[in-house]
Amino acid sequence: MARQNFGGFGGGANMQQLMRQAQKMQQQLQEAQEQLDAAEYEATSGGGMVTVKVTGKHELTSITIDPQVVDPDDIEMLQDLIMAAVNEALRKGEEAREASMSRMAPGLGGMGGLF
């Protein structure tokens, strides 16, 4: 009976090399995840009247409000400006995360969650 070659997966040395590569990739992904979690993203709304900062872990770390935007008769506008700035900062963080992960492992999306 002929021995089949399954794309290099039959030999022990090739399997060990594949496992080392997978472990290295997993370590790189972990390091990238930690860097993304520690990163800070800033966004503004209202032409700079409200500025917020969030971390890659989606934690709000800072809100700066220009005193000119504080109008006791229009609290809703201030709330909207804060919400818009926070959502934009979170969106920036998520875009950075997606871009980083796709650079690190461009084919992982189609591997059924192997990693």
PDB file of N, CA and C in Angstrom:
ATOM      1  N   MET A   1       0.831  -1.171   0.000  1.00  0.00           N
ATOM      2  CA  MET A   1       0.000   0.000   0.000  1.00  0.00           C
ATOM      3  C   MET A   1       0.887   1.250   0.000  1.00  0.00           C
ATOM      4  N   ALA A   2       0.535   2.234  -0.785  1.00  0.00           N
ATOM      5  CA  ALA A   2       1.337   3.448  -0.877  1.00  0.00           C
ATOM      6  C   ALA A   2       1.066   4.337   0.325  1.00  0.00           C
ATOM      7  N   ARG A   3       2.121   4.938   0.814  1.00  0.00           N
ATOM      8  CA  ARG A   3       2.005   5.855   1.957  1.00  0.00           C
ATOM      9  C   ARG A   3       1.598   7.228   1.437  1.00  0.00           C
ATOM     10  N   GLN A   4       0.567   7.803   2.022  1.00  0.00           N
ATOM     11  CA  GLN A   4       0.089   9.106   1.565  1.00  0.00           C
ATOM     12  C   GLN A   4       0.800  10.211   2.318  1.00  0.00           C
ATOM     13  N   ASN A   5       1.070  11.290   1.608  1.00  0.00           N
ATOM     14  CA  ASN A   5       1.681  12.470   2.218  1.00  0.00           C
ATOM     15  C   ASN A   5       0.597  13.534   2.356  1.00  0.00           C
ATOM     16  N   PHE A   6       0.289  13.909   3.562  1.00  0.00           N
ATOM     17  CA  PHE A   6      -0.769  14.886   3.829  1.00  0.00           C
ATOM     18  C   PHE A   6      -0.173  16.278   4.009  1.00  0.00           C
ATOM     19  N   GLY A   7       0.484  16.779   2.980  1.00  0.00           N
ATOM     20  CA  GLY A   7       0.980  18.160   3.021  1.00  0.00           C
ATOM     21  C   GLY A   7       2.021  18.390   4.094  1.00  0.00           C
ATOM     22  N   GLY A   8       2.833  17.394   4.413  1.00  0.00           N
ATOM     23  CA  GLY A   8       3.890  17.589   5.386  1.00  0.00           C
ATOM     24  C   GLY A   8       3.471  17.365   6.818  1.00  0.00           C
ATOM     25  N   PHE A   9       2.246  16.944   7.054  1.00  0.00           N
ATOM     26  CA  PHE A   9       1.786  16.738   8.423  1.00  0.00           C
ATOM     27  C   PHE A   9       2.081  15.333   8.926  1.00  0.00           C
ATOM     28  N   GLY A  10       2.638  14.467   8.080  1.00  0.00           N
ATOM     29  CA  GLY A  10       2.871  13.090   8.482  1.00  0.00           C
ATOM     30  C   GLY A  10       4.098  12.906   9.344  1.00  0.00           C
ATOM     31  N   GLY A  11       5.145  13.710   9.162  1.00  0.00           N
ATOM     32  CA  GLY A  11       6.390  13.515   9.899  1.00  0.00           C
ATOM     33  C   GLY A  11       6.370  14.173  11.258  1.00  0.00           C
ATOM     34  N   GLY A  12       7.037  13.521  12.226  1.00  0.00           N
ATOM     35  CA  GLY A  12       7.086  14.063  13.586  1.00  0.00           C
ATOM     36  C   GLY A  12       7.804  15.390  13.663  1.00  0.00           C
ATOM     37  N   ALA A  13       8.913  15.522  12.883  1.00  0.00           N
ATOM     38  CA  ALA A  13       9.674  16.775  12.912  1.00  0.00           C
ATOM     39  C   ALA A  13       8.837  17.923  12.363  1.00  0.00           C
ATOM     40  N   ASN A  14       8.080  17.657  11.303  1.00  0.00           N
ATOM     41  CA  ASN A  14       7.227  18.700  10.728  1.00  0.00           C
ATOM     42  C   ASN A  14       6.125  19.109  11.702  1.00  0.00           C
ATOM     43  N   MET A  15       5.580  18.151  12.415  1.00  0.00           N
ATOM     44  CA  MET A  15       4.523  18.437  13.392  1.00  0.00           C
ATOM     45  C   MET A  15       5.084  19.276  14.544  1.00  0.00           C
ATOM     46  N   GLN A  16       6.287  18.949  14.982  1.00  0.00           N
ATOM     47  CA  GLN A  16       6.907  19.730  16.053  1.00  0.00           C
ATOM     48  C   GLN A  16       7.162  21.164  15.603  1.00  0.00           C
ATOM     49  N   GLN A  17       7.614  21.315  14.374  1.00  0.00           N
ATOM     50  CA  GLN A  17       7.855  22.652  13.838  1.00  0.00           C
ATOM     51  C   GLN A  17       6.543  23.428  13.746  1.00  0.00           C
ATOM     52  N   LEU A  18       5.496  22.773  13.293  1.00  0.00           N
ATOM     53  CA  LEU A  18       4.181  23.399  13.209  1.00  0.00           C
ATOM     54  C   LEU A  18       3.693  23.834  14.596  1.00  0.00           C
ATOM     55  N   MET A  19       3.896  22.987  15.587  1.00  0.00           N
ATOM     56  CA  MET A  19       3.484  23.327  16.959  1.00  0.00           C
ATOM     57  C   MET A  19       4.284  24.519  17.487  1.00  0.00           C
ATOM     58  N   ARG A  20       5.587  24.560  17.213  1.00  0.00           N
ATOM     59  CA  ARG A  20       6.405  25.703  17.656  1.00  0.00           C
ATOM     60  C   ARG A  20       5.930  26.988  16.992  1.00  0.00           C
ATOM     61  N   GLN A  21       5.602  26.901  15.704  1.00  0.00           N
ATOM     62  CA  GLN A  21       5.109  28.082  15.002  1.00  0.00           C
ATOM     63  C   GLN A  21       3.772  28.548  15.586  1.00  0.00           C
ATOM     64  N   ALA A  22       2.908  27.612  15.899  1.00  0.00           N
ATOM     65  CA  ALA A  22       1.609  27.951  16.492  1.00  0.00           C
ATOM     66  C   ALA A  22       1.793  28.594  17.862  1.00  0.00           C
ATOM     67  N   GLN A  23       2.717  28.071  18.669  1.00  0.00           N
ATOM     68  CA  GLN A  23       2.973  28.644  19.990  1.00  0.00           C
ATOM     69  C   GLN A  23       3.555  30.047  19.866  1.00  0.00           C
ATOM     70  N   LYS A  24       4.438  30.235  18.889  1.00  0.00           N
ATOM     71  CA  LYS A  24       5.026  31.558  18.676  1.00  0.00           C
ATOM     72  C   LYS A  24       3.944  32.556  18.257  1.00  0.00           C
ATOM     73  N   MET A  25       3.060  32.132  17.358  1.00  0.00           N
ATOM     74  CA  MET A  25       1.978  33.002  16.921  1.00  0.00           C
ATOM     75  C   MET A  25       1.051  33.343  18.080  1.00  0.00           C
ATOM     76  N   GLN A  26       0.764  32.367  18.904  1.00  0.00           N
ATOM     77  CA  GLN A  26      -0.106  32.598  20.059  1.00  0.00           C
ATOM     78  C   GLN A  26       0.536  33.607  21.015  1.00  0.00           C
ATOM     79  N   GLN A  27       1.842  33.500  21.220  1.00  0.00           N
ATOM     80  CA  GLN A  27       2.550  34.439  22.085  1.00  0.00           C
ATOM     81  C   GLN A  27       2.516  35.845  21.486  1.00  0.00           C
ATOM     82  N   GLN A  28       2.717  35.952  20.178  1.00  0.00           N
ATOM     83  CA  GLN A  28       2.673  37.261  19.526  1.00  0.00           C
ATOM     84  C   GLN A  28       1.283  37.872  19.632  1.00  0.00           C
ATOM     85  N   LEU A  29       0.259  37.059  19.465  1.00  0.00           N
ATOM     86  CA  LEU A  29      -1.112  37.555  19.594  1.00  0.00           C
ATOM     87  C   LEU A  29      -1.396  38.034  21.014  1.00  0.00           C
ATOM     88  N   GLN A  30      -0.893  37.307  22.006  1.00  0.00           N
ATOM     89  CA  GLN A  30      -1.069  37.697  23.407  1.00  0.00           C
ATOM     90  C   GLN A  30      -0.390  39.037  23.678  1.00  0.00           C
ATOM     91  N   GLU A  31       0.832  39.198  23.160  1.00  0.00           N
ATOM     92  CA  GLU A  31       1.554  40.455  23.352  1.00  0.00           C
ATOM     93  C   GLU A  31       0.827  41.613  22.674  1.00  0.00           C
ATOM     94  N   ALA A  32       0.312  41.370  21.472  1.00  0.00           N
ATOM     95  CA  ALA A  32      -0.447  42.410  20.772  1.00  0.00           C
ATOM     96  C   ALA A  32      -1.699  42.774  21.554  1.00  0.00           C
ATOM     97  N   GLN A  33      -2.374  41.772  22.116  1.00  0.00           N
ATOM     98  CA  GLN A  33      -3.574  42.012  22.922  1.00  0.00           C
ATOM     99  C   GLN A  33      -3.248  42.891  24.128  1.00  0.00           C
ATOM    100  N   GLU A  34      -2.141  42.612  24.793  1.00  0.00           N
ATOM    101  CA  GLU A  34      -1.746  43.399  25.959  1.00  0.00           C
ATOM    102  C   GLU A  34      -1.435  44.839  25.569  1.00  0.00           C
ATOM    103  N   GLN A  35      -0.764  45.022  24.429  1.00  0.00           N
ATOM    104  CA  GLN A  35      -0.459  46.379  23.966  1.00  0.00           C
ATOM    105  C   GLN A  35      -1.738  47.133  23.626  1.00  0.00           C
ATOM    106  N   LEU A  36      -2.666  46.461  22.971  1.00  0.00           N
ATOM    107  CA  LEU A  36      -3.930  47.101  22.623  1.00  0.00           C
ATOM    108  C   LEU A  36      -4.732  47.459  23.865  1.00  0.00           C
ATOM    109  N   ASP A  37      -4.726  46.597  24.863  1.00  0.00           N
ATOM    110  CA  ASP A  37      -5.444  46.878  26.107  1.00  0.00           C
ATOM    111  C   ASP A  37      -4.865  48.093  26.818  1.00  0.00           C
ATOM    112  N   ALA A  38      -3.544  48.282  26.726  1.00  0.00           N
ATOM    113  CA  ALA A  38      -2.880  49.388  27.413  1.00  0.00           C
ATOM    114  C   ALA A  38      -2.957  50.699  26.633  1.00  0.00           C
ATOM    115  N   ALA A  39      -3.268  50.633  25.344  1.00  0.00           N
ATOM    116  CA  ALA A  39      -3.315  51.836  24.515  1.00  0.00           C
ATOM    117  C   ALA A  39      -4.444  52.759  24.951  1.00  0.00           C
ATOM    118  N   GLU A  40      -4.278  54.042  24.655  1.00  0.00           N
ATOM    119  CA  GLU A  40      -5.300  55.025  24.997  1.00  0.00           C
ATOM    120  C   GLU A  40      -5.768  55.709  23.723  1.00  0.00           C
ATOM    121  N   TYR A  41      -7.060  55.917  23.616  1.00  0.00           N
ATOM    122  CA  TYR A  41      -7.668  56.525  22.434  1.00  0.00           C
ATOM    123  C   TYR A  41      -8.441  57.765  22.857  1.00  0.00           C
ATOM    124  N   GLU A  42      -8.312  58.827  22.075  1.00  0.00           N
ATOM    125  CA  GLU A  42      -8.940  60.102  22.399  1.00  0.00           C
ATOM    126  C   GLU A  42      -9.873  60.516  21.271  1.00  0.00           C
ATOM    127  N   ALA A  43     -10.971  61.128  21.639  1.00  0.00           N
ATOM    128  CA  ALA A  43     -11.904  61.660  20.650  1.00  0.00           C
ATOM    129  C   ALA A  43     -12.551  62.910  21.218  1.00  0.00           C
ATOM    130  N   THR A  44     -13.030  63.752  20.297  1.00  0.00           N
ATOM    131  CA  THR A  44     -13.697  64.989  20.695  1.00  0.00           C
ATOM    132  C   THR A  44     -15.053  65.081  20.007  1.00  0.00           C
ATOM    133  N   SER A  45     -15.886  65.940  20.523  1.00  0.00           N
ATOM    134  CA  SER A  45     -17.158  66.264  19.874  1.00  0.00           C
ATOM    135  C   SER A  45     -17.440  67.739  20.119  1.00  0.00           C
ATOM    136  N   GLY A  46     -18.401  68.243  19.370  1.00  0.00           N
ATOM    137  CA  GLY A  46     -18.759  69.654  19.529  1.00  0.00           C
ATOM    138  C   GLY A  46     -17.623  70.580  19.163  1.00  0.00           C
ATOM    139  N   GLY A  47     -16.837  70.197  18.161  1.00  0.00           N
ATOM    140  CA  GLY A  47     -15.714  71.049  17.752  1.00  0.00           C
ATOM    141  C   GLY A  47     -14.657  71.180  18.826  1.00  0.00           C
ATOM    142  N   GLY A  48     -14.477  70.148  19.622  1.00  0.00           N
ATOM    143  CA  GLY A  48     -13.465  70.165  20.673  1.00  0.00           C
ATOM    144  C   GLY A  48     -13.991  70.605  22.029  1.00  0.00           C
ATOM    145  N   MET A  49     -15.285  70.797  22.127  1.00  0.00           N
ATOM    146  CA  MET A  49     -15.863  71.232  23.403  1.00  0.00           C
ATOM    147  C   MET A  49     -15.833  70.123  24.449  1.00  0.00           C
ATOM    148  N   VAL A  50     -15.904  68.869  23.987  1.00  0.00           N
ATOM    149  CA  VAL A  50     -15.826  67.716  24.879  1.00  0.00           C
ATOM    150  C   VAL A  50     -14.735  66.792  24.354  1.00  0.00           C
ATOM    151  N   THR A  51     -13.817  66.410  25.232  1.00  0.00           N
ATOM    152  CA  THR A  51     -12.744  65.484  24.874  1.00  0.00           C
ATOM    153  C   THR A  51     -12.758  64.340  25.872  1.00  0.00           C
ATOM    154  N   VAL A  52     -12.672  63.121  25.347  1.00  0.00           N
ATOM    155  CA  VAL A  52     -12.629  61.953  26.223  1.00  0.00           C
ATOM    156  C   VAL A  52     -11.457  61.067  25.829  1.00  0.00           C
ATOM    157  N   LYS A  53     -11.013  60.277  26.801  1.00  0.00           N
ATOM    158  CA  LYS A  53      -9.979  59.277  26.564  1.00  0.00           C
ATOM    159  C   LYS A  53     -10.471  57.947  27.119  1.00  0.00           C
ATOM    160  N   VAL A  54     -10.234  56.880  26.349  1.00  0.00           N
ATOM    161  CA  VAL A  54     -10.574  55.531  26.782  1.00  0.00           C
ATOM    162  C   VAL A  54      -9.366  54.636  26.551  1.00  0.00           C
ATOM    163  N   THR A  55      -9.334  53.524  27.283  1.00  0.00           N
ATOM    164  CA  THR A  55      -8.278  52.544  27.067  1.00  0.00           C
ATOM    165  C   THR A  55      -8.771  51.486  26.087  1.00  0.00           C
ATOM    166  N   GLY A  56      -7.845  50.649  25.657  1.00  0.00           N
ATOM    167  CA  GLY A  56      -8.204  49.544  24.793  1.00  0.00           C
ATOM    168  C   GLY A  56      -9.102  48.536  25.478  1.00  0.00           C
ATOM    169  N   LYS A  57      -9.204  48.611  26.790  1.00  0.00           N
ATOM    170  CA  LYS A  57     -10.106  47.741  27.552  1.00  0.00           C
ATOM    171  C   LYS A  57     -11.486  48.371  27.698  1.00  0.00           C
ATOM    172  N   HIS A  58     -11.737  49.445  26.977  1.00  0.00           N
ATOM    173  CA  HIS A  58     -13.020  50.150  26.989  1.00  0.00           C
ATOM    174  C   HIS A  58     -13.300  50.816  28.330  1.00  0.00           C
ATOM    175  N   GLU A  59     -12.258  51.281  28.989  1.00  0.00           N
ATOM    176  CA  GLU A  59     -12.426  52.006  30.250  1.00  0.00           C
ATOM    177  C   GLU A  59     -12.258  53.497  29.990  1.00  0.00           C
ATOM    178  N   LEU A  60     -13.219  54.279  30.412  1.00  0.00           N
ATOM    179  CA  LEU A  60     -13.158  55.728  30.284  1.00  0.00           C
ATOM    180  C   LEU A  60     -12.168  56.253  31.317  1.00  0.00           C
ATOM    181  N   THR A  61     -11.134  56.968  30.862  1.00  0.00           N
ATOM    182  CA  THR A  61     -10.110  57.443  31.796  1.00  0.00           C
ATOM    183  C   THR A  61     -10.126  58.951  31.991  1.00  0.00           C
ATOM    184  N   SER A  62     -10.734  59.686  31.062  1.00  0.00           N
ATOM    185  CA  SER A  62     -10.703  61.139  31.179  1.00  0.00           C
ATOM    186  C   SER A  62     -11.850  61.768  30.389  1.00  0.00           C
ATOM    187  N   ILE A  63     -12.443  62.795  30.988  1.00  0.00           N
ATOM    188  CA  ILE A  63     -13.428  63.634  30.294  1.00  0.00           C
ATOM    189  C   ILE A  63     -13.042  65.085  30.557  1.00  0.00           C
ATOM    190  N   THR A  64     -12.916  65.856  29.485  1.00  0.00           N
ATOM    191  CA  THR A  64     -12.636  67.282  29.609  1.00  0.00           C
ATOM    192  C   THR A  64     -13.770  68.024  28.917  1.00  0.00           C
ATOM    193  N   ILE A  65     -14.384  68.963  29.650  1.00  0.00           N
ATOM    194  CA  ILE A  65     -15.520  69.718  29.123  1.00  0.00           C
ATOM    195  C   ILE A  65     -15.174  71.202  29.158  1.00  0.00           C
ATOM    196  N   ASP A  66     -15.280  71.829  28.007  1.00  0.00           N
ATOM    197  CA  ASP A  66     -15.053  73.269  27.933  1.00  0.00           C
ATOM    198  C   ASP A  66     -16.197  73.949  28.693  1.00  0.00           C
ATOM    199  N   PRO A  67     -15.892  74.859  29.619  1.00  0.00           N
ATOM    200  CA  PRO A  67     -16.939  75.512  30.414  1.00  0.00           C
ATOM    201  C   PRO A  67     -17.994  76.224  29.564  1.00  0.00           C
ATOM    202  N   GLN A  68     -17.648  76.637  28.361  1.00  0.00           N
ATOM    203  CA  GLN A  68     -18.606  77.336  27.510  1.00  0.00           C
ATOM    204  C   GLN A  68     -19.770  76.451  27.100  1.00  0.00           C
ATOM    205  N   VAL A  69     -19.568  75.133  27.107  1.00  0.00           N
ATOM    206  CA  VAL A  69     -20.628  74.227  26.666  1.00  0.00           C
ATOM    207  C   VAL A  69     -21.590  73.883  27.805  1.00  0.00           C
ATOM    208  N   VAL A  70     -21.255  74.272  29.022  1.00  0.00           N
ATOM    209  CA  VAL A  70     -22.108  73.959  30.164  1.00  0.00           C
ATOM    210  C   VAL A  70     -23.216  75.003  30.256  1.00  0.00           C
ATOM    211  N   ASP A  71     -24.389  74.581  29.857  1.00  0.00           N
ATOM    212  CA  ASP A  71     -25.570  75.448  29.872  1.00  0.00           C
ATOM    213  C   ASP A  71     -26.633  74.739  30.708  1.00  0.00           C
ATOM    214  N   PRO A  72     -26.947  75.264  31.889  1.00  0.00           N
ATOM    215  CA  PRO A  72     -27.936  74.598  32.749  1.00  0.00           C
ATOM    216  C   PRO A  72     -29.297  74.419  32.078  1.00  0.00           C
ATOM    217  N   ASP A  73     -29.566  75.220  31.067  1.00  0.00           N
ATOM    218  CA  ASP A  73     -30.849  75.108  30.376  1.00  0.00           C
ATOM    219  C   ASP A  73     -30.812  74.091  29.238  1.00  0.00           C
ATOM    220  N   ASP A  74     -29.625  73.529  28.956  1.00  0.00           N
ATOM    221  CA  ASP A  74     -29.511  72.572  27.850  1.00  0.00           C
ATOM    222  C   ASP A  74     -28.571  71.425  28.230  1.00  0.00           C
ATOM    223  N   ILE A  75     -28.915  70.717  29.269  1.00  0.00           N
ATOM    224  CA  ILE A  75     -28.123  69.576  29.735  1.00  0.00           C
ATOM    225  C   ILE A  75     -28.108  68.466  28.688  1.00  0.00           C
ATOM    226  N   GLU A  76     -29.199  68.337  27.948  1.00  0.00           N
ATOM    227  CA  GLU A  76     -29.269  67.282  26.937  1.00  0.00           C
ATOM    228  C   GLU A  76     -28.175  67.426  25.888  1.00  0.00           C
ATOM    229  N   MET A  77     -27.856  68.664  25.491  1.00  0.00           N
ATOM    230  CA  MET A  77     -26.798  68.866  24.505  1.00  0.00           C
ATOM    231  C   MET A  77     -25.459  68.386  25.059  1.00  0.00           C
ATOM    232  N   LEU A  78     -25.171  68.697  26.295  1.00  0.00           N
ATOM    233  CA  LEU A  78     -23.920  68.263  26.914  1.00  0.00           C
ATOM    234  C   LEU A  78     -23.868  66.741  27.002  1.00  0.00           C
ATOM    235  N   GLN A  79     -24.973  66.145  27.377  1.00  0.00           N
ATOM    236  CA  GLN A  79     -25.020  64.676  27.438  1.00  0.00           C
ATOM    237  C   GLN A  79     -24.768  64.066  26.066  1.00  0.00           C
ATOM    238  N   ASP A  80     -25.352  64.653  25.029  1.00  0.00           N
ATOM    239  CA  ASP A  80     -25.155  64.155  23.667  1.00  0.00           C
ATOM    240  C   ASP A  80     -23.694  64.294  23.230  1.00  0.00           C
ATOM    241  N   LEU A  81     -23.074  65.419  23.574  1.00  0.00           N
ATOM    242  CA  LEU A  81     -21.671  65.637  23.214  1.00  0.00           C
ATOM    243  C   LEU A  81     -20.764  64.625  23.901  1.00  0.00           C
ATOM    244  N   ILE A  82     -21.041  64.348  25.159  1.00  0.00           N
ATOM    245  CA  ILE A  82     -20.238  63.366  25.896  1.00  0.00           C
ATOM    246  C   ILE A  82     -20.426  61.979  25.286  1.00  0.00           C
ATOM    247  N   MET A  83     -21.651  61.615  25.020  1.00  0.00           N
ATOM    248  CA  MET A  83     -21.928  60.304  24.453  1.00  0.00           C
ATOM    249  C   MET A  83     -21.260  60.161  23.081  1.00  0.00           C
ATOM    250  N   ALA A  84     -21.327  61.186  22.255  1.00  0.00           N
ATOM    251  CA  ALA A  84     -20.715  61.132  20.924  1.00  0.00           C
ATOM    252  C   ALA A  84     -19.197  60.965  21.024  1.00  0.00           C
ATOM    253  N   ALA A  85     -18.587  61.696  21.926  1.00  0.00           N
ATOM    254  CA  ALA A  85     -17.130  61.605  22.075  1.00  0.00           C
ATOM    255  C   ALA A  85     -16.711  60.237  22.604  1.00  0.00           C
ATOM    256  N   VAL A  86     -17.429  59.717  23.588  1.00  0.00           N
ATOM    257  CA  VAL A  86     -17.112  58.396  24.137  1.00  0.00           C
ATOM    258  C   VAL A  86     -17.269  57.326  23.063  1.00  0.00           C
ATOM    259  N   ASN A  87     -18.357  57.363  22.334  1.00  0.00           N
ATOM    260  CA  ASN A  87     -18.583  56.361  21.286  1.00  0.00           C
ATOM    261  C   ASN A  87     -17.512  56.435  20.203  1.00  0.00           C
ATOM    262  N   GLU A  88     -17.087  57.627  19.850  1.00  0.00           N
ATOM    263  CA  GLU A  88     -16.035  57.778  18.837  1.00  0.00           C
ATOM    264  C   GLU A  88     -14.703  57.233  19.345  1.00  0.00           C
ATOM    265  N   ALA A  89     -14.368  57.503  20.593  1.00  0.00           N
ATOM    266  CA  ALA A  89     -13.119  56.983  21.156  1.00  0.00           C
ATOM    267  C   ALA A  89     -13.143  55.454  21.212  1.00  0.00           C
ATOM    268  N   LEU A  90     -14.270  54.886  21.601  1.00  0.00           N
ATOM    269  CA  LEU A  90     -14.404  53.427  21.629  1.00  0.00           C
ATOM    270  C   LEU A  90     -14.292  52.839  20.225  1.00  0.00           C
ATOM    271  N   ARG A  91     -14.871  53.522  19.238  1.00  0.00           N
ATOM    272  CA  ARG A  91     -14.795  53.063  17.857  1.00  0.00           C
ATOM    273  C   ARG A  91     -13.342  53.074  17.367  1.00  0.00           C
ATOM    274  N   LYS A  92     -12.601  54.129  17.710  1.00  0.00           N
ATOM    275  CA  LYS A  92     -11.187  54.203  17.330  1.00  0.00           C
ATOM    276  C   LYS A  92     -10.399  53.042  17.929  1.00  0.00           C
ATOM    277  N   GLY A  93     -10.670  52.754  19.175  1.00  0.00           N
ATOM    278  CA  GLY A  93      -9.986  51.642  19.830  1.00  0.00           C
ATOM    279  C   GLY A  93     -10.300  50.312  19.170  1.00  0.00           C
ATOM    280  N   GLU A  94     -11.557  50.114  18.808  1.00  0.00           N
ATOM    281  CA  GLU A  94     -11.955  48.857  18.167  1.00  0.00           C
ATOM    282  C   GLU A  94     -11.351  48.737  16.775  1.00  0.00           C
ATOM    283  N   GLU A  95     -11.287  49.827  16.046  1.00  0.00           N
ATOM    284  CA  GLU A  95     -10.656  49.802  14.728  1.00  0.00           C
ATOM    285  C   GLU A  95      -9.171  49.467  14.839  1.00  0.00           C
ATOM    286  N   ALA A  96      -8.505  50.036  15.834  1.00  0.00           N
ATOM    287  CA  ALA A  96      -7.085  49.740  16.042  1.00  0.00           C
ATOM    288  C   ALA A  96      -6.890  48.270  16.390  1.00  0.00           C
ATOM    289  N   ARG A  97      -7.771  47.733  17.212  1.00  0.00           N
ATOM    290  CA  ARG A  97      -7.695  46.320  17.598  1.00  0.00           C
ATOM    291  C   ARG A  97      -7.877  45.421  16.370  1.00  0.00           C
ATOM    292  N   GLU A  98      -8.894  45.706  15.570  1.00  0.00           N
ATOM    293  CA  GLU A  98      -9.153  44.889  14.388  1.00  0.00           C
ATOM    294  C   GLU A  98      -8.002  44.959  13.396  1.00  0.00           C
ATOM    295  N   ALA A  99      -7.457  46.156  13.190  1.00  0.00           N
ATOM    296  CA  ALA A  99      -6.340  46.310  12.252  1.00  0.00           C
ATOM    297  C   ALA A  99      -5.108  45.558  12.744  1.00  0.00           C
ATOM    298  N   SER A 100      -4.844  45.638  14.028  1.00  0.00           N
ATOM    299  CA  SER A 100      -3.682  44.951  14.590  1.00  0.00           C
ATOM    300  C   SER A 100      -3.831  43.440  14.491  1.00  0.00           C
ATOM    301  N   MET A 101      -4.987  42.941  14.829  1.00  0.00           N
ATOM    302  CA  MET A 101      -5.202  41.494  14.786  1.00  0.00           C
ATOM    303  C   MET A 101      -5.158  40.972  13.349  1.00  0.00           C
ATOM    304  N   SER A 102      -5.673  41.737  12.393  1.00  0.00           N
ATOM    305  CA  SER A 102      -5.650  41.260  11.008  1.00  0.00           C
ATOM    306  C   SER A 102      -4.226  41.286  10.457  1.00  0.00           C
ATOM    307  N   ARG A 103      -3.376  42.193  10.937  1.00  0.00           N
ATOM    308  CA  ARG A 103      -1.969  42.194  10.531  1.00  0.00           C
ATOM    309  C   ARG A 103      -1.230  41.014  11.136  1.00  0.00           C
ATOM    310  N   MET A 104      -1.566  40.694  12.382  1.00  0.00           N
ATOM    311  CA  MET A 104      -0.875  39.613  13.084  1.00  0.00           C
ATOM    312  C   MET A 104      -1.250  38.252  12.517  1.00  0.00           C
ATOM    313  N   ALA A 105      -2.505  38.061  12.208  1.00  0.00           N
ATOM    314  CA  ALA A 105      -2.989  36.743  11.780  1.00  0.00           C
ATOM    315  C   ALA A 105      -4.050  36.916  10.706  1.00  0.00           C
ATOM    316  N   PRO A 106      -3.647  37.269   9.483  1.00  0.00           N
ATOM    317  CA  PRO A 106      -4.636  37.589   8.457  1.00  0.00           C
ATOM    318  C   PRO A 106      -5.564  36.443   8.093  1.00  0.00           C
ATOM    319  N   GLY A 107      -5.160  35.206   8.261  1.00  0.00           N
ATOM    320  CA  GLY A 107      -6.007  34.095   7.856  1.00  0.00           C
ATOM    321  C   GLY A 107      -6.791  33.466   8.979  1.00  0.00           C
ATOM    322  N   LEU A 108      -6.671  33.957  10.199  1.00  0.00           N
ATOM    323  CA  LEU A 108      -7.319  33.289  11.316  1.00  0.00           C
ATOM    324  C   LEU A 108      -8.831  33.407  11.293  1.00  0.00           C
ATOM    325  N   GLY A 109      -9.341  34.409  10.638  1.00  0.00           N
ATOM    326  CA  GLY A 109     -10.792  34.551  10.611  1.00  0.00           C
ATOM    327  C   GLY A 109     -11.487  33.358   9.987  1.00  0.00           C
ATOM    328  N   GLY A 110     -10.836  32.694   9.038  1.00  0.00           N
ATOM    329  CA  GLY A 110     -11.441  31.564   8.367  1.00  0.00           C
ATOM    330  C   GLY A 110     -11.009  30.217   8.913  1.00  0.00           C
ATOM    331  N   MET A 111     -10.352  30.179  10.066  1.00  0.00           N
ATOM    332  CA  MET A 111      -9.862  28.909  10.599  1.00  0.00           C
ATOM    333  C   MET A 111     -10.758  28.349  11.689  1.00  0.00           C
ATOM    334  N   GLY A 112     -11.961  28.831  11.756  1.00  0.00           N
ATOM    335  CA  GLY A 112     -12.925  28.269  12.690  1.00  0.00           C
ATOM    336  C   GLY A 112     -12.559  28.446  14.146  1.00  0.00           C
ATOM    337  N   GLY A 113     -11.886  29.558  14.486  1.00  0.00           N
ATOM    338  CA  GLY A 113     -11.553  29.813  15.888  1.00  0.00           C
ATOM    339  C   GLY A 113     -10.462  28.909  16.429  1.00  0.00           C
ATOM    340  N   LEU A 114      -9.578  28.434  15.570  1.00  0.00           N
ATOM    341  CA  LEU A 114      -8.505  27.556  16.013  1.00  0.00           C
ATOM    342  C   LEU A 114      -7.638  28.227  17.055  1.00  0.00           C
ATOM    343  N   PHE A 115      -7.437  29.533  16.911  1.00  0.00           N
ATOM    344  CA  PHE A 115      -6.583  30.260  17.858  1.00  0.00           C
ATOM    345  C   PHE A 115      -7.403  31.238  18.646  1.00  0.00           C
TER     346      PHE A 115
END
